């Protein structure tokens, strides 16, 4: 398995970046080629298909959405088998009244927070790496 599993190394190496733009989650009952071509993430659920895409594309295609998010990428290459990373950063974000939606990619974890919390979330995540004694 590729990626880091040591929690202390992961925490000290988070290196969070705030990706440009604003992102939305849309839910469509049927697969949609336009949404799939422009999404950054797709997940098929029993209740429908979830797509994460830029707010500008969602508006262009007239898709409805409720939540506008900032997209944060943790640049540390975390293993899919790593234990505790999500628990630590989600707890720290929660302590600061920031909800998060997490997507694990093969190389990195991606965190979606309310757009108004993007900068604050970066500050919280950066402090985790600096303090790294959680």
C-alpha atoms as a PDB file:
ATOM      1  CA  UNK A   1       0.000   0.000   0.000  1.00  0.00           C
ATOM      2  CA  UNK A   2       1.341   3.388  -0.956  1.00  0.00           C
ATOM      3  CA  UNK A   3       1.414   6.403   1.354  1.00  0.00           C
ATOM      4  CA  UNK A   4       2.254   7.268   4.941  1.00  0.00           C
ATOM      5  CA  UNK A   5       0.588   5.440   7.853  1.00  0.00           C
ATOM      6  CA  UNK A   6       2.434   6.927  10.861  1.00  0.00           C
ATOM      7  CA  UNK A   7      -0.011   9.363  12.473  1.00  0.00           C
ATOM      8  CA  UNK A   8       2.675  11.672  13.899  1.00  0.00           C
ATOM      9  CA  UNK A   9       4.338  12.000  10.486  1.00  0.00           C
ATOM     10  CA  UNK A  10       0.974  12.573   8.825  1.00  0.00           C
ATOM     11  CA  UNK A  11      -0.002  15.291  11.295  1.00  0.00           C
ATOM     12  CA  UNK A  12       3.324  17.090  11.083  1.00  0.00           C
ATOM     13  CA  UNK A  13       3.160  16.993   7.268  1.00  0.00           C
ATOM     14  CA  UNK A  14      -0.474  17.962   6.517  1.00  0.00           C
ATOM     15  CA  UNK A  15       0.507  20.946   4.320  1.00  0.00           C
ATOM     16  CA  UNK A  16      -3.101  22.034   3.642  1.00  0.00           C
ATOM     17  CA  UNK A  17      -3.817  24.098   0.547  1.00  0.00           C
ATOM     18  CA  UNK A  18      -6.975  25.999  -0.273  1.00  0.00           C
ATOM     19  CA  UNK A  19      -7.876  25.257  -3.881  1.00  0.00           C
ATOM     20  CA  UNK A  20      -9.214  28.142  -5.919  1.00  0.00           C
ATOM     21  CA  UNK A  21     -12.920  28.411  -6.550  1.00  0.00           C
ATOM     22  CA  UNK A  22     -16.143  27.407  -4.889  1.00  0.00           C
ATOM     23  CA  UNK A  23     -17.605  23.912  -5.091  1.00  0.00           C
ATOM     24  CA  UNK A  24     -21.031  22.335  -4.720  1.00  0.00           C
ATOM     25  CA  UNK A  25     -22.506  18.898  -4.185  1.00  0.00           C
ATOM     26  CA  UNK A  26     -25.331  17.991  -6.534  1.00  0.00           C
ATOM     27  CA  UNK A  27     -27.576  14.949  -6.485  1.00  0.00           C
ATOM     28  CA  UNK A  28     -29.034  13.540  -9.705  1.00  0.00           C
ATOM     29  CA  UNK A  29     -31.163  10.426  -9.932  1.00  0.00           C
ATOM     30  CA  UNK A  30     -29.869   9.400 -13.344  1.00  0.00           C
ATOM     31  CA  UNK A  31     -26.247   9.438 -14.514  1.00  0.00           C
ATOM     32  CA  UNK A  32     -25.409  12.710 -16.252  1.00  0.00           C
ATOM     33  CA  UNK A  33     -22.544  12.940 -18.763  1.00  0.00           C
ATOM     34  CA  UNK A  34     -22.212  16.736 -18.456  1.00  0.00           C
ATOM     35  CA  UNK A  35     -21.894  16.536 -14.686  1.00  0.00           C
ATOM     36  CA  UNK A  36     -19.488  13.601 -14.906  1.00  0.00           C
ATOM     37  CA  UNK A  37     -17.266  15.386 -17.450  1.00  0.00           C
ATOM     38  CA  UNK A  38     -16.869  18.387 -15.143  1.00  0.00           C
ATOM     39  CA  UNK A  39     -16.931  16.868 -11.662  1.00  0.00           C
ATOM     40  CA  UNK A  40     -13.955  16.491  -9.376  1.00  0.00           C
ATOM     41  CA  UNK A  41     -15.628  13.614  -7.564  1.00  0.00           C
ATOM     42  CA  UNK A  42     -18.488  11.213  -8.216  1.00  0.00           C
ATOM     43  CA  UNK A  43     -20.156   8.766  -5.872  1.00  0.00           C
ATOM     44  CA  UNK A  44     -23.062   6.471  -6.668  1.00  0.00           C
ATOM     45  CA  UNK A  45     -25.479   6.004  -3.763  1.00  0.00           C
ATOM     46  CA  UNK A  46     -28.741   4.089  -3.548  1.00  0.00           C
ATOM     47  CA  UNK A  47     -30.653   7.396  -3.370  1.00  0.00           C
ATOM     48  CA  UNK A  48     -28.958   8.949  -6.408  1.00  0.00           C
ATOM     49  CA  UNK A  49     -25.659  10.065  -7.890  1.00  0.00           C
ATOM     50  CA  UNK A  50     -23.557  12.629  -6.030  1.00  0.00           C
ATOM     51  CA  UNK A  51     -21.263  14.900  -8.038  1.00  0.00           C
ATOM     52  CA  UNK A  52     -18.900  17.528  -6.670  1.00  0.00           C
ATOM     53  CA  UNK A  53     -18.185  20.252  -9.178  1.00  0.00           C
ATOM     54  CA  UNK A  54     -17.394  23.928  -9.368  1.00  0.00           C
ATOM     55  CA  UNK A  55     -20.240  26.232  -8.522  1.00  0.00           C
ATOM     56  CA  UNK A  56     -19.745  28.014 -11.843  1.00  0.00           C
ATOM     57  CA  UNK A  57     -20.286  24.761 -13.802  1.00  0.00           C
ATOM     58  CA  UNK A  58     -23.308  23.866 -11.685  1.00  0.00           C
ATOM     59  CA  UNK A  59     -24.764  27.291 -12.431  1.00  0.00           C
ATOM     60  CA  UNK A  60     -23.922  26.972 -16.120  1.00  0.00           C
ATOM     61  CA  UNK A  61     -25.779  23.646 -16.328  1.00  0.00           C
ATOM     62  CA  UNK A  62     -28.582  24.916 -14.052  1.00  0.00           C
ATOM     63  CA  UNK A  63     -28.068  22.193 -11.451  1.00  0.00           C
ATOM     64  CA  UNK A  64     -29.546  22.902  -8.044  1.00  0.00           C
ATOM     65  CA  UNK A  65     -27.493  22.715  -4.849  1.00  0.00           C
ATOM     66  CA  UNK A  66     -27.726  23.745  -1.214  1.00  0.00           C
ATOM     67  CA  UNK A  67     -24.148  23.881   0.038  1.00  0.00           C
ATOM     68  CA  UNK A  68     -21.285  26.002  -1.320  1.00  0.00           C
ATOM     69  CA  UNK A  69     -17.872  24.816  -0.191  1.00  0.00           C
ATOM     70  CA  UNK A  70     -14.202  25.607  -0.190  1.00  0.00           C
ATOM     71  CA  UNK A  71     -12.007  22.682  -1.217  1.00  0.00           C
ATOM     72  CA  UNK A  72      -8.904  21.988   0.870  1.00  0.00           C
ATOM     73  CA  UNK A  73      -6.306  19.400  -0.113  1.00  0.00           C
ATOM     74  CA  UNK A  74      -3.931  17.898   2.430  1.00  0.00           C
ATOM     75  CA  UNK A  75      -0.724  17.559   0.424  1.00  0.00           C
ATOM     76  CA  UNK A  76       0.670  14.791   2.634  1.00  0.00           C
ATOM     77  CA  UNK A  77       0.492  11.444   0.822  1.00  0.00           C
ATOM     78  CA  UNK A  78      -1.626   9.513   3.295  1.00  0.00           C
ATOM     79  CA  UNK A  79      -2.200   5.802   3.008  1.00  0.00           C
ATOM     80  CA  UNK A  80      -5.758   4.604   2.612  1.00  0.00           C
ATOM     81  CA  UNK A  81      -4.938   2.348   5.582  1.00  0.00           C
ATOM     82  CA  UNK A  82      -3.810   5.180   7.870  1.00  0.00           C
ATOM     83  CA  UNK A  83      -5.602   5.223  11.233  1.00  0.00           C
ATOM     84  CA  UNK A  84      -6.652   8.376  13.067  1.00  0.00           C
ATOM     85  CA  UNK A  85      -5.885  11.159  10.607  1.00  0.00           C
ATOM     86  CA  UNK A  86      -9.493  11.999   9.781  1.00  0.00           C
ATOM     87  CA  UNK A  87     -10.452  11.754  13.454  1.00  0.00           C
ATOM     88  CA  UNK A  88      -7.800  14.283  14.479  1.00  0.00           C
ATOM     89  CA  UNK A  89      -8.440  16.938  11.849  1.00  0.00           C
ATOM     90  CA  UNK A  90     -12.230  16.613  11.932  1.00  0.00           C
ATOM     91  CA  UNK A  91     -12.189  16.928  15.745  1.00  0.00           C
ATOM     92  CA  UNK A  92     -10.011  20.031  15.577  1.00  0.00           C
ATOM     93  CA  UNK A  93     -12.260  21.567  12.928  1.00  0.00           C
ATOM     94  CA  UNK A  94     -15.327  20.735  15.039  1.00  0.00           C
ATOM     95  CA  UNK A  95     -13.762  22.410  18.099  1.00  0.00           C
ATOM     96  CA  UNK A  96     -13.613  25.537  15.938  1.00  0.00           C
ATOM     97  CA  UNK A  97     -17.239  25.162  14.786  1.00  0.00           C
ATOM     98  CA  UNK A  98     -16.267  24.100  11.267  1.00  0.00           C
ATOM     99  CA  UNK A  99     -18.146  21.204   9.700  1.00  0.00           C
ATOM    100  CA  UNK A 100     -16.262  19.150   7.135  1.00  0.00           C
ATOM    101  CA  UNK A 101     -16.974  16.671   4.393  1.00  0.00           C
ATOM    102  CA  UNK A 102     -14.016  14.423   3.627  1.00  0.00           C
ATOM    103  CA  UNK A 103     -13.124  12.592   0.429  1.00  0.00           C
ATOM    104  CA  UNK A 104     -10.120  10.286   0.457  1.00  0.00           C
ATOM    105  CA  UNK A 105      -8.276  10.095  -2.823  1.00  0.00           C
ATOM    106  CA  UNK A 106      -5.540   7.556  -3.504  1.00  0.00           C
ATOM    107  CA  UNK A 107      -2.810  10.084  -2.679  1.00  0.00           C
ATOM    108  CA  UNK A 108      -4.458  12.820  -0.616  1.00  0.00           C
ATOM    109  CA  UNK A 109      -7.388  13.655   1.627  1.00  0.00           C
ATOM    110  CA  UNK A 110      -9.704  16.405   0.447  1.00  0.00           C
ATOM    111  CA  UNK A 111     -11.844  18.422   2.820  1.00  0.00           C
ATOM    112  CA  UNK A 112     -14.885  20.470   1.871  1.00  0.00           C
ATOM    113  CA  UNK A 113     -15.960  23.158   4.331  1.00  0.00           C
ATOM    114  CA  UNK A 114     -18.511  25.942   4.074  1.00  0.00           C
ATOM    115  CA  UNK A 115     -17.040  28.605   1.820  1.00  0.00           C
ATOM    116  CA  UNK A 116     -17.034  31.179   4.608  1.00  0.00           C
ATOM    117  CA  UNK A 117     -14.884  28.814   6.738  1.00  0.00           C
ATOM    118  CA  UNK A 118     -12.180  28.094   4.154  1.00  0.00           C
ATOM    119  CA  UNK A 119      -9.451  30.409   5.498  1.00  0.00           C
ATOM    120  CA  UNK A 120     -10.260  29.583   9.121  1.00  0.00           C
ATOM    121  CA  UNK A 121     -10.037  25.853   8.342  1.00  0.00           C
ATOM    122  CA  UNK A 122      -6.606  26.342   6.746  1.00  0.00           C
ATOM    123  CA  UNK A 123      -5.466  28.102   9.944  1.00  0.00           C
ATOM    124  CA  UNK A 124      -6.781  25.255  12.130  1.00  0.00           C
ATOM    125  CA  UNK A 125      -5.160  22.582   9.969  1.00  0.00           C
ATOM    126  CA  UNK A 126      -1.847  24.456   9.867  1.00  0.00           C
ATOM    127  CA  UNK A 127      -1.832  24.677  13.670  1.00  0.00           C
ATOM    128  CA  UNK A 128      -2.213  20.892  13.876  1.00  0.00           C
ATOM    129  CA  UNK A 129       1.043  20.470  11.968  1.00  0.00           C
ATOM    130  CA  UNK A 130       2.844  23.111  14.038  1.00  0.00           C
ATOM    131  CA  UNK A 131       1.686  21.703  17.376  1.00  0.00           C
ATOM    132  CA  UNK A 132       1.624  18.017  16.398  1.00  0.00           C
ATOM    133  CA  UNK A 133       1.161  16.891  19.988  1.00  0.00           C
ATOM    134  CA  UNK A 134      -2.540  16.171  19.819  1.00  0.00           C
END
